[in-house]
Amino acid sequence: MKTGKPHNIPRIEHCLGITSTNIVPFPSKPLNLNTETSEPSAMQAKSATLCVIACLAQAFDFNALKEKIPASTTVRFLRAVIMVEHSDGWSMIHPYGAVVHWNVGADERRKLHSILLGVAKKPHDIAQKETYTYTVNRPQTRIQQDHIEMQNNDPMLLLALSHTMRSR
């Protein structure tokens, strides 16, 4: 039996502010951000794109973060979210310690996570990660289990969906 200080292992729903009692529970085993175990198969990758939610800390210091983001990065500062544009996707950084990546590669996610952990308030010992697939040009926008269908991939729609992930 292990003894000593217990790990601070957050549940992603806690990080995202979920309080509903009738939600489908997330996997109980926390995932380490250094491993990319939930990448899709080659067949899934051809038909869908990834949305990755990472809960890294209790909060981010947005003022400090604004100073850390490289000048060459395209960023939109909104009231409660920082939107970072990548070559083929977006990252939506929320002040409550979570970031939602839309079509952002593993290397770009790791680089951004490193910056975020540098401005994190109470970073988690082990970060939680959830991975969804999504497709665009669908008749309607909806979320079904771990797949998202969208009419388009407008950054404002991605932002709105990032906020809805709080209630999943």
N, C-alpha and C. Protein backbone atom coordinates (compact mmCIF):
# COMPACT_ATOMS: atom_id res chain seq x y z
N MET A 1 0.84 -1.18 0.00
CA MET A 1 0.00 0.00 0.00
C MET A 1 0.88 1.24 0.00
N LYS A 2 0.57 2.20 -0.87
CA LYS A 2 1.33 3.43 -0.94
C LYS A 2 0.94 4.34 0.20
N THR A 3 1.93 5.03 0.71
CA THR A 3 1.66 6.03 1.73
C THR A 3 2.23 7.35 1.28
N GLY A 4 1.89 8.39 1.96
CA GLY A 4 2.40 9.71 1.61
C GLY A 4 1.29 10.61 1.11
N LYS A 5 1.69 11.70 0.50
CA LYS A 5 0.75 12.71 0.03
C LYS A 5 -0.08 12.17 -1.14
N PRO A 6 -1.41 12.24 -1.05
CA PRO A 6 -2.23 11.78 -2.16
C PRO A 6 -2.10 12.75 -3.33
N HIS A 7 -2.24 12.22 -4.55
CA HIS A 7 -2.18 13.06 -5.74
C HIS A 7 -3.45 13.89 -5.86
N ASN A 8 -3.29 15.10 -6.34
CA ASN A 8 -4.42 15.96 -6.64
C ASN A 8 -4.89 15.60 -8.04
N ILE A 9 -5.81 14.67 -8.15
CA ILE A 9 -6.27 14.21 -9.45
C ILE A 9 -7.66 14.79 -9.70
N PRO A 10 -7.74 15.82 -10.55
CA PRO A 10 -9.03 16.45 -10.80
C PRO A 10 -9.86 15.63 -11.79
N ARG A 11 -11.12 15.74 -11.69
CA ARG A 11 -12.01 15.19 -12.69
C ARG A 11 -12.29 16.32 -13.67
N ILE A 12 -12.35 16.01 -14.95
CA ILE A 12 -12.51 17.06 -15.94
C ILE A 12 -13.82 17.81 -15.76
N GLU A 13 -14.87 17.12 -15.30
CA GLU A 13 -16.13 17.82 -15.10
C GLU A 13 -16.02 18.87 -13.98
N HIS A 14 -15.15 18.63 -12.99
CA HIS A 14 -14.91 19.63 -11.96
C HIS A 14 -14.21 20.84 -12.55
N CYS A 15 -13.22 20.58 -13.38
CA CYS A 15 -12.48 21.66 -14.02
C CYS A 15 -13.37 22.50 -14.91
N LEU A 16 -14.30 21.86 -15.59
CA LEU A 16 -15.17 22.57 -16.51
C LEU A 16 -16.40 23.15 -15.83
N GLY A 17 -16.54 22.95 -14.53
CA GLY A 17 -17.64 23.55 -13.79
C GLY A 17 -18.95 22.79 -13.89
N ILE A 18 -18.90 21.51 -14.23
CA ILE A 18 -20.12 20.74 -14.38
C ILE A 18 -20.65 20.37 -13.00
N THR A 19 -21.93 20.66 -12.77
CA THR A 19 -22.53 20.34 -11.49
C THR A 19 -23.76 19.46 -11.64
N SER A 20 -24.19 19.19 -12.86
CA SER A 20 -25.38 18.39 -13.08
C SER A 20 -25.17 16.97 -12.58
N THR A 21 -26.21 16.39 -12.02
CA THR A 21 -26.09 15.02 -11.53
C THR A 21 -26.54 13.99 -12.56
N ASN A 22 -27.08 14.44 -13.68
CA ASN A 22 -27.56 13.49 -14.67
C ASN A 22 -26.70 13.46 -15.92
N ILE A 23 -25.39 13.60 -15.74
CA ILE A 23 -24.49 13.54 -16.89
C ILE A 23 -23.89 12.15 -16.98
N VAL A 24 -23.43 11.79 -18.16
CA VAL A 24 -22.74 10.53 -18.34
C VAL A 24 -21.35 10.69 -17.75
N PRO A 25 -20.92 9.82 -16.85
CA PRO A 25 -19.61 10.00 -16.20
C PRO A 25 -18.47 9.85 -17.19
N PHE A 26 -17.41 10.61 -16.94
CA PHE A 26 -16.19 10.51 -17.72
C PHE A 26 -15.40 9.30 -17.25
N PRO A 27 -14.44 8.85 -18.04
CA PRO A 27 -13.61 7.72 -17.59
C PRO A 27 -12.96 8.05 -16.26
N SER A 28 -12.85 7.05 -15.39
CA SER A 28 -12.31 7.29 -14.06
C SER A 28 -10.80 7.39 -14.03
N LYS A 29 -10.12 6.87 -15.03
CA LYS A 29 -8.66 6.89 -15.02
C LYS A 29 -8.15 8.18 -15.67
N PRO A 30 -7.39 9.01 -14.94
CA PRO A 30 -6.86 10.23 -15.53
C PRO A 30 -5.81 9.91 -16.59
N LEU A 31 -5.74 10.77 -17.59
CA LEU A 31 -4.77 10.59 -18.66
C LEU A 31 -3.63 11.57 -18.52
N ASN A 32 -2.43 11.12 -18.78
CA ASN A 32 -1.26 11.97 -18.75
C ASN A 32 -1.13 12.66 -20.10
N LEU A 33 -0.90 13.96 -20.11
CA LEU A 33 -0.80 14.70 -21.37
C LEU A 33 0.41 14.29 -22.19
N ASN A 34 1.38 13.63 -21.59
CA ASN A 34 2.56 13.23 -22.33
C ASN A 34 2.32 12.01 -23.19
N THR A 35 1.16 11.39 -23.04
CA THR A 35 0.84 10.24 -23.88
C THR A 35 -0.39 10.58 -24.69
N GLU A 36 -0.35 10.24 -25.92
CA GLU A 36 -1.47 10.50 -26.83
C GLU A 36 -2.13 9.16 -27.14
N THR A 37 -2.82 8.58 -26.17
CA THR A 37 -3.36 7.24 -26.33
C THR A 37 -4.71 7.23 -27.01
N SER A 38 -5.40 8.35 -27.09
CA SER A 38 -6.74 8.30 -27.63
C SER A 38 -6.82 8.92 -29.03
N GLU A 39 -5.73 8.83 -29.80
CA GLU A 39 -5.76 9.29 -31.18
C GLU A 39 -6.65 8.33 -31.97
N PRO A 40 -7.34 8.82 -32.99
CA PRO A 40 -8.24 7.95 -33.74
C PRO A 40 -7.48 6.98 -34.63
N SER A 41 -8.18 5.95 -35.06
CA SER A 41 -7.60 5.01 -36.01
C SER A 41 -7.45 5.71 -37.35
N ALA A 42 -6.72 5.10 -38.28
CA ALA A 42 -6.52 5.70 -39.60
C ALA A 42 -7.86 5.90 -40.30
N MET A 43 -8.79 4.98 -40.14
CA MET A 43 -10.10 5.09 -40.76
C MET A 43 -10.86 6.29 -40.18
N GLN A 44 -10.86 6.45 -38.86
CA GLN A 44 -11.54 7.58 -38.23
C GLN A 44 -10.89 8.90 -38.63
N ALA A 45 -9.57 8.94 -38.72
CA ALA A 45 -8.87 10.18 -39.04
C ALA A 45 -9.25 10.70 -40.41
N LYS A 46 -9.57 9.81 -41.36
CA LYS A 46 -9.94 10.24 -42.70
C LYS A 46 -11.31 10.91 -42.71
N SER A 47 -12.21 10.48 -41.84
CA SER A 47 -13.57 10.97 -41.90
C SER A 47 -13.90 12.03 -40.86
N ALA A 48 -13.08 12.19 -39.85
CA ALA A 48 -13.39 13.13 -38.78
C ALA A 48 -12.13 13.82 -38.29
N THR A 49 -12.33 14.91 -37.58
CA THR A 49 -11.25 15.71 -37.03
C THR A 49 -11.36 15.65 -35.51
N LEU A 50 -10.26 15.95 -34.81
CA LEU A 50 -10.24 15.85 -33.35
C LEU A 50 -10.57 17.16 -32.64
N CYS A 51 -11.32 17.01 -31.58
CA CYS A 51 -11.53 18.07 -30.59
C CYS A 51 -11.00 17.50 -29.28
N VAL A 52 -10.00 18.15 -28.70
CA VAL A 52 -9.38 17.66 -27.47
C VAL A 52 -9.59 18.70 -26.38
N ILE A 53 -10.15 18.28 -25.26
CA ILE A 53 -10.34 19.15 -24.10
C ILE A 53 -9.33 18.74 -23.05
N ALA A 54 -8.57 19.69 -22.54
CA ALA A 54 -7.59 19.40 -21.50
C ALA A 54 -7.85 20.31 -20.30
N CYS A 55 -7.94 19.70 -19.14
CA CYS A 55 -8.08 20.43 -17.88
C CYS A 55 -6.71 20.40 -17.21
N LEU A 56 -6.03 21.55 -17.20
CA LEU A 56 -4.65 21.61 -16.74
C LEU A 56 -4.47 22.17 -15.34
N ALA A 57 -5.39 23.04 -14.91
CA ALA A 57 -5.19 23.74 -13.65
C ALA A 57 -6.53 24.22 -13.10
N GLN A 58 -6.48 24.80 -11.92
CA GLN A 58 -7.69 25.39 -11.35
C GLN A 58 -8.05 26.67 -12.11
N ALA A 59 -7.04 27.39 -12.58
CA ALA A 59 -7.27 28.63 -13.33
C ALA A 59 -6.00 29.02 -14.08
N PHE A 60 -6.16 29.93 -15.05
CA PHE A 60 -5.03 30.52 -15.75
C PHE A 60 -5.01 32.02 -15.47
N ASP A 61 -3.81 32.57 -15.34
CA ASP A 61 -3.64 34.02 -15.19
C ASP A 61 -3.60 34.61 -16.59
N PHE A 62 -4.74 35.15 -17.04
CA PHE A 62 -4.84 35.66 -18.41
C PHE A 62 -3.90 36.84 -18.65
N ASN A 63 -3.70 37.69 -17.66
CA ASN A 63 -2.79 38.83 -17.85
C ASN A 63 -1.37 38.34 -18.13
N ALA A 64 -0.92 37.36 -17.37
CA ALA A 64 0.42 36.80 -17.59
C ALA A 64 0.47 36.04 -18.90
N LEU A 65 -0.63 35.37 -19.27
CA LEU A 65 -0.66 34.60 -20.50
C LEU A 65 -0.50 35.49 -21.72
N LYS A 66 -1.10 36.67 -21.69
CA LYS A 66 -0.99 37.60 -22.82
C LYS A 66 0.46 37.96 -23.11
N GLU A 67 1.29 37.98 -22.07
CA GLU A 67 2.72 38.29 -22.23
C GLU A 67 3.51 37.09 -22.74
N LYS A 68 3.02 35.88 -22.53
CA LYS A 68 3.76 34.66 -22.87
C LYS A 68 3.49 34.14 -24.28
N ILE A 69 2.36 34.51 -24.86
CA ILE A 69 2.02 34.01 -26.19
C ILE A 69 2.95 34.65 -27.21
N PRO A 70 3.59 33.85 -28.05
CA PRO A 70 4.52 34.41 -29.05
C PRO A 70 3.85 35.45 -29.94
N ALA A 71 4.60 36.49 -30.28
CA ALA A 71 4.07 37.59 -31.08
C ALA A 71 3.62 37.13 -32.46
N SER A 72 4.18 36.06 -32.96
CA SER A 72 3.82 35.56 -34.29
C SER A 72 2.50 34.79 -34.30
N THR A 73 1.92 34.58 -33.14
CA THR A 73 0.68 33.82 -33.03
C THR A 73 -0.53 34.73 -33.20
N THR A 74 -1.50 34.28 -33.99
CA THR A 74 -2.74 35.03 -34.15
C THR A 74 -3.66 34.68 -32.99
N VAL A 75 -4.06 35.72 -32.25
CA VAL A 75 -4.85 35.53 -31.04
C VAL A 75 -6.01 36.50 -31.04
N ARG A 76 -7.15 36.02 -30.58
CA ARG A 76 -8.31 36.89 -30.36
C ARG A 76 -8.60 36.89 -28.86
N PHE A 77 -8.61 38.06 -28.27
CA PHE A 77 -8.89 38.17 -26.84
C PHE A 77 -10.36 38.55 -26.68
N LEU A 78 -11.11 37.65 -26.12
CA LEU A 78 -12.50 37.92 -25.81
C LEU A 78 -12.62 38.08 -24.30
N ARG A 79 -13.77 38.45 -23.86
CA ARG A 79 -13.96 38.74 -22.44
C ARG A 79 -13.53 37.59 -21.53
N ALA A 80 -13.96 36.39 -21.84
CA ALA A 80 -13.67 35.28 -20.93
C ALA A 80 -12.91 34.14 -21.60
N VAL A 81 -12.43 34.35 -22.82
CA VAL A 81 -11.73 33.30 -23.55
C VAL A 81 -10.62 33.92 -24.40
N ILE A 82 -9.53 33.19 -24.51
CA ILE A 82 -8.48 33.57 -25.45
C ILE A 82 -8.50 32.53 -26.56
N MET A 83 -8.69 33.00 -27.80
CA MET A 83 -8.75 32.11 -28.96
C MET A 83 -7.40 32.18 -29.68
N VAL A 84 -6.72 31.04 -29.80
CA VAL A 84 -5.42 30.97 -30.45
C VAL A 84 -5.59 30.25 -31.78
N GLU A 85 -5.20 30.93 -32.87
CA GLU A 85 -5.31 30.31 -34.20
C GLU A 85 -4.04 29.52 -34.50
N HIS A 86 -4.23 28.31 -34.99
CA HIS A 86 -3.14 27.44 -35.43
C HIS A 86 -3.23 27.30 -36.94
N SER A 87 -2.31 26.58 -37.54
CA SER A 87 -2.30 26.46 -39.00
C SER A 87 -3.62 25.91 -39.56
N ASP A 88 -4.20 24.91 -38.92
CA ASP A 88 -5.45 24.32 -39.40
C ASP A 88 -6.53 24.25 -38.35
N GLY A 89 -6.36 24.94 -37.22
CA GLY A 89 -7.36 24.81 -36.17
C GLY A 89 -7.29 25.94 -35.17
N TRP A 90 -8.00 25.75 -34.07
CA TRP A 90 -8.11 26.75 -33.00
C TRP A 90 -7.98 26.10 -31.64
N SER A 91 -7.46 26.88 -30.68
CA SER A 91 -7.48 26.50 -29.26
C SER A 91 -8.24 27.58 -28.52
N MET A 92 -9.22 27.16 -27.73
CA MET A 92 -10.02 28.08 -26.92
C MET A 92 -9.58 27.91 -25.47
N ILE A 93 -8.91 28.95 -24.93
CA ILE A 93 -8.38 28.89 -23.57
C ILE A 93 -9.38 29.55 -22.63
N HIS A 94 -9.84 28.80 -21.65
CA HIS A 94 -10.83 29.28 -20.69
C HIS A 94 -10.13 29.60 -19.36
N PRO A 95 -10.57 30.64 -18.67
CA PRO A 95 -9.89 31.06 -17.44
C PRO A 95 -9.95 30.04 -16.31
N TYR A 96 -10.88 29.09 -16.37
CA TYR A 96 -11.03 28.11 -15.31
C TYR A 96 -10.09 26.91 -15.47
N GLY A 97 -8.99 27.07 -16.22
CA GLY A 97 -7.96 26.05 -16.29
C GLY A 97 -8.11 25.01 -17.38
N ALA A 98 -9.03 25.24 -18.31
CA ALA A 98 -9.25 24.28 -19.39
C ALA A 98 -8.95 24.93 -20.74
N VAL A 99 -8.56 24.09 -21.68
CA VAL A 99 -8.35 24.53 -23.06
C VAL A 99 -9.01 23.50 -23.97
N VAL A 100 -9.71 24.00 -24.99
CA VAL A 100 -10.38 23.14 -25.96
C VAL A 100 -9.69 23.35 -27.30
N HIS A 101 -9.15 22.27 -27.85
CA HIS A 101 -8.41 22.32 -29.11
C HIS A 101 -9.29 21.76 -30.23
N TRP A 102 -9.38 22.49 -31.30
CA TRP A 102 -10.13 22.06 -32.49
C TRP A 102 -9.14 21.87 -33.63
N ASN A 103 -8.91 20.63 -34.03
CA ASN A 103 -8.02 20.28 -35.14
C ASN A 103 -6.60 20.82 -34.91
N VAL A 104 -6.09 20.62 -33.72
CA VAL A 104 -4.74 21.07 -33.37
C VAL A 104 -3.90 19.81 -33.11
N GLY A 105 -2.76 19.72 -33.79
CA GLY A 105 -1.89 18.56 -33.66
C GLY A 105 -1.29 18.41 -32.27
N ALA A 106 -0.83 17.20 -31.98
CA ALA A 106 -0.29 16.89 -30.66
C ALA A 106 0.90 17.78 -30.29
N ASP A 107 1.79 18.06 -31.24
CA ASP A 107 2.95 18.91 -30.94
C ASP A 107 2.52 20.34 -30.60
N GLU A 108 1.57 20.88 -31.36
CA GLU A 108 1.08 22.23 -31.07
C GLU A 108 0.37 22.28 -29.72
N ARG A 109 -0.38 21.22 -29.41
CA ARG A 109 -1.06 21.16 -28.10
C ARG A 109 -0.04 21.15 -26.97
N ARG A 110 1.02 20.33 -27.10
CA ARG A 110 2.04 20.25 -26.05
C ARG A 110 2.72 21.61 -25.84
N LYS A 111 3.05 22.30 -26.94
CA LYS A 111 3.68 23.62 -26.83
C LYS A 111 2.77 24.60 -26.09
N LEU A 112 1.51 24.62 -26.45
CA LEU A 112 0.57 25.53 -25.79
C LEU A 112 0.38 25.13 -24.33
N HIS A 113 0.28 23.85 -24.05
CA HIS A 113 0.13 23.39 -22.66
C HIS A 113 1.32 23.82 -21.81
N SER A 114 2.51 23.78 -22.38
CA SER A 114 3.70 24.22 -21.66
C SER A 114 3.59 25.70 -21.27
N ILE A 115 3.13 26.51 -22.22
CA ILE A 115 2.93 27.94 -21.92
C ILE A 115 1.85 28.11 -20.86
N LEU A 116 0.75 27.38 -21.00
CA LEU A 116 -0.36 27.51 -20.04
C LEU A 116 0.05 27.08 -18.64
N LEU A 117 0.82 26.02 -18.53
CA LEU A 117 1.26 25.58 -17.20
C LEU A 117 2.17 26.60 -16.55
N GLY A 118 2.85 27.42 -17.36
CA GLY A 118 3.69 28.49 -16.82
C GLY A 118 2.90 29.63 -16.20
N VAL A 119 1.60 29.73 -16.54
CA VAL A 119 0.75 30.80 -15.99
C VAL A 119 -0.43 30.20 -15.22
N ALA A 120 -0.33 28.94 -14.89
CA ALA A 120 -1.42 28.25 -14.20
C ALA A 120 -1.45 28.57 -12.72
N LYS A 121 -2.66 28.73 -12.21
CA LYS A 121 -2.87 28.84 -10.77
C LYS A 121 -3.31 27.47 -10.30
N LYS A 122 -2.55 26.90 -9.39
CA LYS A 122 -2.80 25.55 -8.87
C LYS A 122 -2.90 24.52 -9.99
N PRO A 123 -1.79 24.30 -10.72
CA PRO A 123 -1.82 23.28 -11.77
C PRO A 123 -2.08 21.90 -11.19
N HIS A 124 -2.77 21.06 -11.94
CA HIS A 124 -3.09 19.72 -11.50
C HIS A 124 -1.88 18.81 -11.65
N ASP A 125 -1.71 17.89 -10.73
CA ASP A 125 -0.61 16.93 -10.81
C ASP A 125 -0.72 16.09 -12.08
N ILE A 126 -1.93 15.67 -12.37
CA ILE A 126 -2.20 14.89 -13.57
C ILE A 126 -3.36 15.58 -14.28
N ALA A 127 -3.14 15.97 -15.51
CA ALA A 127 -4.18 16.65 -16.27
C ALA A 127 -5.20 15.65 -16.81
N GLN A 128 -6.43 16.11 -16.92
CA GLN A 128 -7.50 15.30 -17.51
C GLN A 128 -7.64 15.68 -18.97
N LYS A 129 -7.96 14.70 -19.80
CA LYS A 129 -8.14 14.96 -21.22
C LYS A 129 -9.33 14.17 -21.73
N GLU A 130 -10.13 14.80 -22.55
CA GLU A 130 -11.24 14.15 -23.24
C GLU A 130 -11.05 14.40 -24.73
N THR A 131 -11.30 13.40 -25.54
CA THR A 131 -11.14 13.53 -26.98
C THR A 131 -12.47 13.21 -27.67
N TYR A 132 -12.87 14.09 -28.56
CA TYR A 132 -14.05 13.92 -29.38
C TYR A 132 -13.61 13.94 -30.84
N THR A 133 -14.42 13.39 -31.71
CA THR A 133 -14.23 13.57 -33.14
C THR A 133 -15.31 14.53 -33.60
N TYR A 134 -15.04 15.21 -34.72
CA TYR A 134 -16.08 16.06 -35.29
C TYR A 134 -16.00 16.10 -36.80
N THR A 135 -17.14 16.36 -37.41
CA THR A 135 -17.23 16.52 -38.85
C THR A 135 -17.97 17.82 -39.14
N VAL A 136 -17.66 18.42 -40.29
CA VAL A 136 -18.31 19.67 -40.70
C VAL A 136 -19.15 19.43 -41.95
N ASN A 137 -19.89 20.46 -42.34
CA ASN A 137 -20.80 20.41 -43.49
C ASN A 137 -21.90 19.38 -43.29
N ARG A 138 -22.42 19.34 -42.08
CA ARG A 138 -23.52 18.45 -41.74
C ARG A 138 -24.82 19.27 -41.76
N PRO A 139 -25.97 18.64 -41.88
CA PRO A 139 -27.23 19.38 -41.95
C PRO A 139 -27.54 20.20 -40.69
N GLN A 140 -27.07 19.73 -39.55
CA GLN A 140 -27.30 20.46 -38.29
C GLN A 140 -26.12 20.28 -37.36
N THR A 141 -26.02 21.17 -36.38
CA THR A 141 -24.96 21.07 -35.38
C THR A 141 -25.53 20.32 -34.18
N ARG A 142 -24.83 19.26 -33.77
CA ARG A 142 -25.27 18.47 -32.63
C ARG A 142 -24.11 17.66 -32.07
N ILE A 143 -24.27 17.26 -30.81
CA ILE A 143 -23.27 16.42 -30.13
C ILE A 143 -23.94 15.10 -29.80
N GLN A 144 -23.32 14.01 -30.25
CA GLN A 144 -23.83 12.68 -29.95
C GLN A 144 -22.70 11.85 -29.36
N GLN A 145 -22.81 11.56 -28.09
CA GLN A 145 -21.80 10.83 -27.34
C GLN A 145 -20.44 11.48 -27.50
N ASP A 146 -19.50 10.87 -28.21
CA ASP A 146 -18.17 11.46 -28.35
C ASP A 146 -17.91 11.97 -29.76
N HIS A 147 -18.98 12.30 -30.49
CA HIS A 147 -18.85 12.84 -31.84
C HIS A 147 -19.69 14.11 -31.98
N ILE A 148 -19.12 15.10 -32.65
CA ILE A 148 -19.78 16.38 -32.86
C ILE A 148 -19.99 16.57 -34.36
N GLU A 149 -21.20 16.93 -34.74
CA GLU A 149 -21.49 17.27 -36.13
C GLU A 149 -21.76 18.76 -36.17
N MET A 150 -21.18 19.43 -37.18
CA MET A 150 -21.33 20.89 -37.29
C MET A 150 -21.71 21.27 -38.71
N GLN A 151 -22.48 22.34 -38.83
CA GLN A 151 -22.83 22.86 -40.14
C GLN A 151 -21.60 23.49 -40.81
N ASN A 152 -20.74 24.13 -40.02
CA ASN A 152 -19.51 24.73 -40.54
C ASN A 152 -18.49 24.77 -39.41
N ASN A 153 -17.29 25.24 -39.69
CA ASN A 153 -16.27 25.31 -38.64
C ASN A 153 -15.85 26.76 -38.38
N ASP A 154 -16.82 27.64 -38.39
CA ASP A 154 -16.57 29.04 -38.06
C ASP A 154 -16.01 29.14 -36.64
N PRO A 155 -14.99 29.96 -36.42
CA PRO A 155 -14.39 30.06 -35.08
C PRO A 155 -15.39 30.43 -33.98
N MET A 156 -16.41 31.20 -34.31
CA MET A 156 -17.39 31.56 -33.28
C MET A 156 -18.27 30.36 -32.93
N LEU A 157 -18.55 29.49 -33.89
CA LEU A 157 -19.28 28.26 -33.58
C LEU A 157 -18.41 27.36 -32.72
N LEU A 158 -17.12 27.26 -33.06
CA LEU A 158 -16.20 26.46 -32.24
C LEU A 158 -16.14 27.00 -30.81
N LEU A 159 -16.15 28.32 -30.68
CA LEU A 159 -16.16 28.93 -29.35
C LEU A 159 -17.43 28.57 -28.59
N ALA A 160 -18.57 28.68 -29.26
CA ALA A 160 -19.84 28.35 -28.62
C ALA A 160 -19.86 26.88 -28.19
N LEU A 161 -19.39 26.01 -29.05
CA LEU A 161 -19.35 24.60 -28.69
C LEU A 161 -18.36 24.34 -27.56
N SER A 162 -17.27 25.09 -27.52
CA SER A 162 -16.31 24.96 -26.41
C SER A 162 -17.00 25.27 -25.09
N HIS A 163 -17.85 26.27 -25.10
CA HIS A 163 -18.60 26.60 -23.87
C HIS A 163 -19.60 25.49 -23.54
N THR A 164 -20.21 24.87 -24.54
CA THR A 164 -21.20 23.82 -24.25
C THR A 164 -20.53 22.59 -23.66
N MET A 165 -19.25 22.41 -23.91
CA MET A 165 -18.55 21.26 -23.34
C MET A 165 -18.60 21.30 -21.81
N ARG A 166 -18.83 22.48 -21.25
CA ARG A 166 -18.96 22.61 -19.79
C ARG A 166 -20.14 21.83 -19.26
N SER A 167 -21.19 21.68 -20.09
CA SER A 167 -22.40 21.03 -19.59
C SER A 167 -22.51 19.57 -20.03
N ARG A 168 -21.49 19.04 -20.65
CA ARG A 168 -21.54 17.64 -21.09
C ARG A 168 -21.22 16.72 -19.95
